[in-house]
Amino acid sequence: MVYHVVVSFAREREYAFKFSDAELAGGSPEEARRWFDKEFADLECEPSNPMGKVLIIDKILNVARYGGEQRFVDRKDWAVGFARYTALALGRDTVRVDVGAFNIGY
């Protein structure tokens, strides 16, 4: 299976990543959650839910927002890691992270 992750900041400002099963084989959803927990804290993200419960989807969206588009433009290790951990955390073959609209589609 091939996994596709697209991170969009606006029209024509989309960053696509593709991973094979082999590229994701060494990771787990738990590892992905730990990575998002750490990045959420390191980037000092504010929870979007006023009740304080932060779901993995909220963490993914906030980490992308607070991490900023430039990290995706540069396509360095952080952006590739973000996309890889998104695929692992959500377990879907196609994921669209729409930072501007603050939603995730499958």
C-alpha atoms as a PDB file:
ATOM      1  CA  MET A   1       0.000   0.000   0.000  1.00  0.00           C
ATOM      2  CA  VAL A   2       1.087   3.557  -0.605  1.00  0.00           C
ATOM      3  CA  TYR A   3       0.299   6.279   1.927  1.00  0.00           C
ATOM      4  CA  HIS A   4      -0.278   9.859   0.786  1.00  0.00           C
ATOM      5  CA  VAL A   5      -0.191  12.830   3.136  1.00  0.00           C
ATOM      6  CA  VAL A   6      -0.925  16.319   1.836  1.00  0.00           C
ATOM      7  CA  VAL A   7      -0.408  19.358   4.041  1.00  0.00           C
ATOM      8  CA  SER A   8      -2.189  22.435   2.722  1.00  0.00           C
ATOM      9  CA  PHE A   9      -1.764  26.001   3.902  1.00  0.00           C
ATOM     10  CA  ALA A  10      -3.782  27.518   1.038  1.00  0.00           C
ATOM     11  CA  ARG A  11      -4.559  26.883  -2.598  1.00  0.00           C
ATOM     12  CA  GLU A  12      -1.333  26.211  -4.491  1.00  0.00           C
ATOM     13  CA  ARG A  13       0.561  25.977  -1.213  1.00  0.00           C
ATOM     14  CA  GLU A  14       0.309  22.242  -0.701  1.00  0.00           C
ATOM     15  CA  TYR A  15       3.053  19.839   0.244  1.00  0.00           C
ATOM     16  CA  ALA A  16       2.649  16.179  -0.695  1.00  0.00           C
ATOM     17  CA  PHE A  17       4.444  13.218   0.836  1.00  0.00           C
ATOM     18  CA  LYS A  18       4.286   9.573  -0.164  1.00  0.00           C
ATOM     19  CA  PHE A  19       5.351   6.527   1.857  1.00  0.00           C
ATOM     20  CA  SER A  20       5.379   2.808   1.146  1.00  0.00           C
ATOM     21  CA  ASP A  21       4.501   0.109   3.660  1.00  0.00           C
ATOM     22  CA  ALA A  22       8.217  -0.570   4.022  1.00  0.00           C
ATOM     23  CA  GLU A  23       8.926   3.067   4.935  1.00  0.00           C
ATOM     24  CA  LEU A  24       6.305   2.973   7.702  1.00  0.00           C
ATOM     25  CA  ALA A  25       7.068  -0.572   8.872  1.00  0.00           C
ATOM     26  CA  GLY A  26       9.463   0.491  11.622  1.00  0.00           C
ATOM     27  CA  GLY A  27       6.977   2.858  13.263  1.00  0.00           C
ATOM     28  CA  SER A  28       3.831   2.551  15.329  1.00  0.00           C
ATOM     29  CA  PRO A  29       0.814   4.690  16.205  1.00  0.00           C
ATOM     30  CA  GLU A  30       2.160   4.971  19.764  1.00  0.00           C
ATOM     31  CA  GLU A  31       5.494   6.310  18.493  1.00  0.00           C
ATOM     32  CA  ALA A  32       3.589   8.827  16.357  1.00  0.00           C
ATOM     33  CA  ARG A  33       1.510   9.958  19.323  1.00  0.00           C
ATOM     34  CA  ARG A  34       4.652  10.467  21.420  1.00  0.00           C
ATOM     35  CA  TRP A  35       6.208  12.548  18.608  1.00  0.00           C
ATOM     36  CA  PHE A  36       3.097  14.744  18.361  1.00  0.00           C
ATOM     37  CA  ASP A  37       2.947  15.083  22.167  1.00  0.00           C
ATOM     38  CA  LYS A  38       6.551  16.293  22.218  1.00  0.00           C
ATOM     39  CA  GLU A  39       6.139  18.689  19.279  1.00  0.00           C
ATOM     40  CA  PHE A  40       2.874  20.045  20.712  1.00  0.00           C
ATOM     41  CA  ALA A  41       4.692  20.890  23.947  1.00  0.00           C
ATOM     42  CA  ASP A  42       7.921  22.122  22.291  1.00  0.00           C
ATOM     43  CA  LEU A  43       5.999  24.463  19.950  1.00  0.00           C
ATOM     44  CA  GLU A  44       3.895  25.701  22.883  1.00  0.00           C
ATOM     45  CA  CYS A  45       0.674  24.949  21.032  1.00  0.00           C
ATOM     46  CA  GLU A  46      -2.574  26.132  22.554  1.00  0.00           C
ATOM     47  CA  PRO A  47      -5.311  23.482  22.807  1.00  0.00           C
ATOM     48  CA  SER A  48      -8.162  24.226  20.405  1.00  0.00           C
ATOM     49  CA  ASN A  49     -10.675  22.546  22.725  1.00  0.00           C
ATOM     50  CA  PRO A  50     -11.581  24.755  25.713  1.00  0.00           C
ATOM     51  CA  MET A  51     -12.385  21.657  27.785  1.00  0.00           C
ATOM     52  CA  GLY A  52      -8.696  20.747  27.756  1.00  0.00           C
ATOM     53  CA  LYS A  53      -8.979  17.357  26.027  1.00  0.00           C
ATOM     54  CA  VAL A  54      -6.631  17.286  23.064  1.00  0.00           C
ATOM     55  CA  LEU A  55      -7.280  14.640  20.423  1.00  0.00           C
ATOM     56  CA  ILE A  56      -4.594  13.397  18.032  1.00  0.00           C
ATOM     57  CA  ILE A  57      -6.289  15.289  15.185  1.00  0.00           C
ATOM     58  CA  ASP A  58      -6.037  18.529  17.187  1.00  0.00           C
ATOM     59  CA  LYS A  59      -2.370  17.838  17.863  1.00  0.00           C
ATOM     60  CA  ILE A  60      -1.642  17.180  14.192  1.00  0.00           C
ATOM     61  CA  LEU A  61      -3.394  20.399  13.109  1.00  0.00           C
ATOM     62  CA  ASN A  62      -1.812  22.533  15.821  1.00  0.00           C
ATOM     63  CA  VAL A  63       1.684  21.152  15.259  1.00  0.00           C
ATOM     64  CA  ALA A  64       1.371  21.958  11.545  1.00  0.00           C
ATOM     65  CA  ARG A  65       0.064  25.457  12.311  1.00  0.00           C
ATOM     66  CA  TYR A  66       2.582  26.323  15.016  1.00  0.00           C
ATOM     67  CA  GLY A  67       5.433  24.608  13.170  1.00  0.00           C
ATOM     68  CA  GLY A  68       4.731  26.837  10.198  1.00  0.00           C
ATOM     69  CA  GLU A  69       4.716  26.505   6.453  1.00  0.00           C
ATOM     70  CA  GLN A  70       8.425  27.187   6.030  1.00  0.00           C
ATOM     71  CA  ARG A  71       9.251  23.781   7.508  1.00  0.00           C
ATOM     72  CA  PHE A  72       7.250  22.189   4.692  1.00  0.00           C
ATOM     73  CA  VAL A  73       8.746  24.447   2.029  1.00  0.00           C
ATOM     74  CA  ASP A  74      12.230  23.316   3.061  1.00  0.00           C
ATOM     75  CA  ARG A  75      11.096  19.629   3.039  1.00  0.00           C
ATOM     76  CA  LYS A  76      13.683  18.774   5.648  1.00  0.00           C
ATOM     77  CA  ASP A  77      13.542  15.957   8.192  1.00  0.00           C
ATOM     78  CA  TRP A  78      10.916  17.688  10.351  1.00  0.00           C
ATOM     79  CA  ALA A  79       8.348  17.922   7.524  1.00  0.00           C
ATOM     80  CA  VAL A  80       8.968  14.352   6.389  1.00  0.00           C
ATOM     81  CA  GLY A  81       8.662  13.198  10.001  1.00  0.00           C
ATOM     82  CA  PHE A  82       5.437  15.142  10.422  1.00  0.00           C
ATOM     83  CA  ALA A  83       3.915  13.467   7.353  1.00  0.00           C
ATOM     84  CA  ARG A  84       5.195  10.008   8.337  1.00  0.00           C
ATOM     85  CA  TYR A  85       3.860  10.293  11.881  1.00  0.00           C
ATOM     86  CA  THR A  86       0.540  11.614  10.572  1.00  0.00           C
ATOM     87  CA  ALA A  87       0.161   8.490   8.425  1.00  0.00           C
ATOM     88  CA  LEU A  88       1.129   6.256  11.350  1.00  0.00           C
ATOM     89  CA  ALA A  89      -1.108   8.018  13.882  1.00  0.00           C
ATOM     90  CA  LEU A  90      -4.201   8.004  11.708  1.00  0.00           C
ATOM     91  CA  GLY A  91      -3.654   4.701   9.900  1.00  0.00           C
ATOM     92  CA  ARG A  92      -5.210   5.969   6.680  1.00  0.00           C
ATOM     93  CA  ASP A  93      -3.755   5.613   3.195  1.00  0.00           C
ATOM     94  CA  THR A  94      -4.766   9.157   2.213  1.00  0.00           C
ATOM     95  CA  VAL A  95      -4.759  12.101   4.599  1.00  0.00           C
ATOM     96  CA  ARG A  96      -5.215  15.785   3.826  1.00  0.00           C
ATOM     97  CA  VAL A  97      -4.179  18.175   6.597  1.00  0.00           C
ATOM     98  CA  ASP A  98      -5.795  21.512   5.757  1.00  0.00           C
ATOM     99  CA  VAL A  99      -4.089  23.960   8.078  1.00  0.00           C
ATOM    100  CA  GLY A 100      -5.962  27.007   6.730  1.00  0.00           C
ATOM    101  CA  ALA A 101      -9.403  25.443   7.267  1.00  0.00           C
ATOM    102  CA  PHE A 102      -8.153  23.632  10.407  1.00  0.00           C
ATOM    103  CA  ASN A 103      -9.478  20.217   9.424  1.00  0.00           C
ATOM    104  CA  ILE A 104      -8.317  16.809   8.337  1.00  0.00           C
ATOM    105  CA  GLY A 105      -9.868  14.850   5.498  1.00  0.00           C
ATOM    106  CA  TYR A 106      -9.430  11.250   4.399  1.00  0.00           C
END
